């Protein structure tokens, strides 16, 4: 789960950085900077999505272990 937190934080940082770059690009008329900012935002959202998938997969594994454990105990 520590990796999930790292992905979440890193994704949030990338997304915030992207918003900043996009804003600077808009303010200066730099289309390349705007595009780079949007790319950073997408990358950040992807990292956060990966963390969500890891969490859900971990939860499924835990539930499966619980069911198997309770089946074996009966």
N, C-alpha and C. Protein backbone atom coordinates (compact mmCIF):
# COMPACT_ATOMS: atom_id res chain seq x y z
N UNK A 1 0.80 -1.19 0.00
CA UNK A 1 0.00 0.00 0.00
C UNK A 1 0.86 1.27 0.00
N UNK A 2 2.08 1.18 0.47
CA UNK A 2 2.96 2.35 0.46
C UNK A 2 3.22 2.83 -0.96
N UNK A 3 3.31 1.89 -1.89
CA UNK A 3 3.50 2.27 -3.29
C UNK A 3 2.28 3.00 -3.82
N UNK A 4 1.09 2.63 -3.31
CA UNK A 4 -0.13 3.31 -3.72
C UNK A 4 -0.09 4.77 -3.30
N UNK A 5 0.36 5.01 -2.09
CA UNK A 5 0.45 6.38 -1.59
C UNK A 5 1.46 7.16 -2.42
N UNK A 6 2.58 6.52 -2.72
CA UNK A 6 3.61 7.18 -3.53
C UNK A 6 3.05 7.55 -4.90
N UNK A 7 2.30 6.63 -5.53
CA UNK A 7 1.69 6.91 -6.83
C UNK A 7 0.68 8.05 -6.73
N UNK A 8 -0.09 8.04 -5.66
CA UNK A 8 -1.11 9.07 -5.47
C UNK A 8 -0.47 10.45 -5.31
N UNK A 9 0.55 10.53 -4.46
CA UNK A 9 1.23 11.80 -4.21
C UNK A 9 1.95 12.27 -5.48
N UNK A 10 2.68 11.37 -6.10
CA UNK A 10 3.39 11.72 -7.33
C UNK A 10 2.42 12.18 -8.41
N UNK A 11 1.29 11.49 -8.52
CA UNK A 11 0.28 11.87 -9.50
C UNK A 11 -0.30 13.24 -9.21
N UNK A 12 -0.55 13.52 -7.94
CA UNK A 12 -1.06 14.83 -7.55
C UNK A 12 -0.08 15.94 -7.85
N UNK A 13 1.19 15.66 -7.62
CA UNK A 13 2.24 16.66 -7.92
C UNK A 13 2.31 16.91 -9.42
N UNK A 14 2.30 15.82 -10.20
CA UNK A 14 2.34 15.98 -11.66
C UNK A 14 1.13 16.77 -12.16
N UNK A 15 -0.02 16.47 -11.61
CA UNK A 15 -1.23 17.16 -12.04
C UNK A 15 -1.16 18.66 -11.70
N UNK A 16 -0.71 18.98 -10.49
CA UNK A 16 -0.58 20.39 -10.09
C UNK A 16 0.46 21.11 -10.95
N UNK A 17 1.57 20.42 -11.19
CA UNK A 17 2.62 20.99 -12.04
C UNK A 17 2.06 21.27 -13.44
N UNK A 18 1.26 20.34 -13.93
CA UNK A 18 0.65 20.50 -15.24
C UNK A 18 -0.29 21.69 -15.32
N UNK A 19 -1.07 21.88 -14.26
CA UNK A 19 -1.97 23.04 -14.22
C UNK A 19 -1.16 24.33 -14.27
N UNK A 20 -0.05 24.35 -13.53
CA UNK A 20 0.82 25.53 -13.54
C UNK A 20 1.41 25.80 -14.90
N UNK A 21 1.93 24.77 -15.54
CA UNK A 21 2.52 24.94 -16.87
C UNK A 21 1.46 25.39 -17.88
N UNK A 22 0.29 24.81 -17.78
CA UNK A 22 -0.78 25.20 -18.71
C UNK A 22 -1.14 26.67 -18.52
N UNK A 23 -1.24 27.11 -17.27
CA UNK A 23 -1.58 28.50 -16.97
C UNK A 23 -0.51 29.45 -17.49
N UNK A 24 0.75 29.10 -17.27
CA UNK A 24 1.86 29.93 -17.77
C UNK A 24 1.83 29.97 -19.30
N UNK A 25 1.59 28.82 -19.90
CA UNK A 25 1.52 28.75 -21.36
C UNK A 25 0.40 29.62 -21.91
N UNK A 26 -0.76 29.59 -21.25
CA UNK A 26 -1.87 30.45 -21.69
C UNK A 26 -1.53 31.92 -21.53
N UNK A 27 -0.92 32.25 -20.39
CA UNK A 27 -0.59 33.65 -20.10
C UNK A 27 0.45 34.21 -21.07
N UNK A 28 1.37 33.35 -21.51
CA UNK A 28 2.44 33.82 -22.39
C UNK A 28 2.18 33.50 -23.86
N UNK A 29 1.10 32.79 -24.13
CA UNK A 29 0.80 32.41 -25.51
C UNK A 29 1.68 31.29 -26.03
N UNK A 30 2.28 30.55 -25.12
CA UNK A 30 3.19 29.45 -25.50
C UNK A 30 2.39 28.16 -25.61
N UNK A 31 2.03 27.80 -26.83
CA UNK A 31 1.21 26.60 -27.07
C UNK A 31 1.94 25.33 -26.63
N UNK A 32 3.25 25.31 -26.80
CA UNK A 32 4.03 24.14 -26.41
C UNK A 32 3.97 23.93 -24.90
N UNK A 33 4.08 25.02 -24.16
CA UNK A 33 4.01 24.93 -22.69
C UNK A 33 2.61 24.49 -22.26
N UNK A 34 1.58 24.98 -22.94
CA UNK A 34 0.21 24.56 -22.63
C UNK A 34 0.05 23.06 -22.84
N UNK A 35 0.55 22.58 -23.97
CA UNK A 35 0.44 21.16 -24.30
C UNK A 35 1.21 20.31 -23.29
N UNK A 36 2.38 20.77 -22.91
CA UNK A 36 3.19 20.04 -21.93
C UNK A 36 2.45 19.97 -20.59
N UNK A 37 1.81 21.07 -20.23
CA UNK A 37 1.03 21.10 -18.99
C UNK A 37 -0.12 20.12 -19.02
N UNK A 38 -0.81 20.08 -20.15
CA UNK A 38 -1.92 19.14 -20.27
C UNK A 38 -1.41 17.70 -20.21
N UNK A 39 -0.25 17.46 -20.81
CA UNK A 39 0.36 16.12 -20.75
C UNK A 39 0.71 15.72 -19.33
N UNK A 40 1.25 16.67 -18.57
CA UNK A 40 1.58 16.41 -17.16
C UNK A 40 0.32 16.08 -16.35
N UNK A 41 -0.77 16.79 -16.66
CA UNK A 41 -2.03 16.53 -15.96
C UNK A 41 -2.53 15.12 -16.25
N UNK A 42 -2.45 14.73 -17.51
CA UNK A 42 -2.90 13.37 -17.88
C UNK A 42 -2.03 12.32 -17.19
N UNK A 43 -0.73 12.56 -17.17
CA UNK A 43 0.18 11.61 -16.52
C UNK A 43 -0.14 11.51 -15.03
N UNK A 44 -0.43 12.65 -14.40
CA UNK A 44 -0.77 12.65 -12.98
C UNK A 44 -2.05 11.89 -12.70
N UNK A 45 -3.05 12.10 -13.54
CA UNK A 45 -4.32 11.39 -13.37
C UNK A 45 -4.12 9.89 -13.58
N UNK A 46 -3.25 9.54 -14.52
CA UNK A 46 -2.98 8.11 -14.77
C UNK A 46 -2.32 7.46 -13.56
N UNK A 47 -1.37 8.16 -12.94
CA UNK A 47 -0.72 7.62 -11.74
C UNK A 47 -1.73 7.44 -10.62
N UNK A 48 -2.62 8.40 -10.47
CA UNK A 48 -3.63 8.28 -9.43
C UNK A 48 -4.60 7.15 -9.74
N UNK A 49 -4.93 6.98 -11.00
CA UNK A 49 -5.79 5.86 -11.40
C UNK A 49 -5.13 4.52 -11.13
N UNK A 50 -3.82 4.45 -11.38
CA UNK A 50 -3.07 3.23 -11.09
C UNK A 50 -3.11 2.91 -9.59
N UNK A 51 -2.99 3.94 -8.78
CA UNK A 51 -3.07 3.73 -7.33
C UNK A 51 -4.43 3.19 -6.94
N UNK A 52 -5.50 3.70 -7.58
CA UNK A 52 -6.86 3.19 -7.30
C UNK A 52 -6.98 1.72 -7.67
N UNK A 53 -6.43 1.37 -8.84
CA UNK A 53 -6.49 -0.03 -9.29
C UNK A 53 -5.73 -0.93 -8.31
N UNK A 54 -4.56 -0.48 -7.87
CA UNK A 54 -3.78 -1.27 -6.91
C UNK A 54 -4.56 -1.47 -5.62
N UNK A 55 -5.23 -0.39 -5.15
CA UNK A 55 -6.04 -0.49 -3.93
C UNK A 55 -7.15 -1.51 -4.10
N UNK A 56 -7.87 -1.42 -5.21
CA UNK A 56 -9.00 -2.32 -5.44
C UNK A 56 -8.53 -3.77 -5.58
N UNK A 57 -7.41 -3.96 -6.27
CA UNK A 57 -6.87 -5.31 -6.41
C UNK A 57 -6.47 -5.87 -5.05
N UNK A 58 -5.84 -5.04 -4.25
CA UNK A 58 -5.45 -5.47 -2.90
C UNK A 58 -6.66 -5.83 -2.05
N UNK A 59 -7.71 -5.03 -2.19
CA UNK A 59 -8.95 -5.33 -1.44
C UNK A 59 -9.56 -6.66 -1.88
N UNK A 60 -9.55 -6.91 -3.18
CA UNK A 60 -10.08 -8.17 -3.69
C UNK A 60 -9.28 -9.36 -3.18
N UNK A 61 -7.97 -9.21 -3.15
CA UNK A 61 -7.11 -10.28 -2.64
C UNK A 61 -7.41 -10.53 -1.17
N UNK A 62 -7.55 -9.44 -0.41
CA UNK A 62 -7.85 -9.59 1.03
C UNK A 62 -9.19 -10.30 1.24
N UNK A 63 -10.20 -9.91 0.46
CA UNK A 63 -11.51 -10.56 0.58
C UNK A 63 -11.43 -12.04 0.22
N UNK A 64 -10.68 -12.35 -0.82
CA UNK A 64 -10.52 -13.75 -1.23
C UNK A 64 -9.84 -14.55 -0.13
N UNK A 65 -8.82 -13.96 0.48
CA UNK A 65 -8.12 -14.65 1.58
C UNK A 65 -9.07 -14.89 2.75
N UNK A 66 -9.90 -13.88 3.05
CA UNK A 66 -10.87 -14.04 4.14
C UNK A 66 -11.84 -15.16 3.86
N UNK A 67 -12.35 -15.21 2.63
CA UNK A 67 -13.32 -16.26 2.27
C UNK A 67 -12.65 -17.62 2.32
N UNK A 68 -11.45 -17.71 1.81
CA UNK A 68 -10.74 -18.98 1.83
C UNK A 68 -10.45 -19.40 3.26
N UNK A 69 -10.07 -18.43 4.08
CA UNK A 69 -9.77 -18.73 5.47
C UNK A 69 -11.00 -19.19 6.22
N UNK A 70 -12.14 -18.55 5.97
CA UNK A 70 -13.35 -18.97 6.67
C UNK A 70 -13.87 -20.31 6.14
N UNK A 71 -13.64 -20.59 4.88
CA UNK A 71 -14.05 -21.89 4.31
C UNK A 71 -13.20 -23.02 4.89
N UNK A 72 -11.93 -22.76 5.07
CA UNK A 72 -11.03 -23.78 5.60
C UNK A 72 -11.32 -24.02 7.07
N UNK A 73 -11.68 -22.97 7.80
CA UNK A 73 -11.93 -23.09 9.24
C UNK A 73 -13.21 -23.88 9.52
N UNK A 74 -14.14 -23.91 8.58
CA UNK A 74 -15.41 -24.62 8.82
C UNK A 74 -15.25 -26.06 8.71
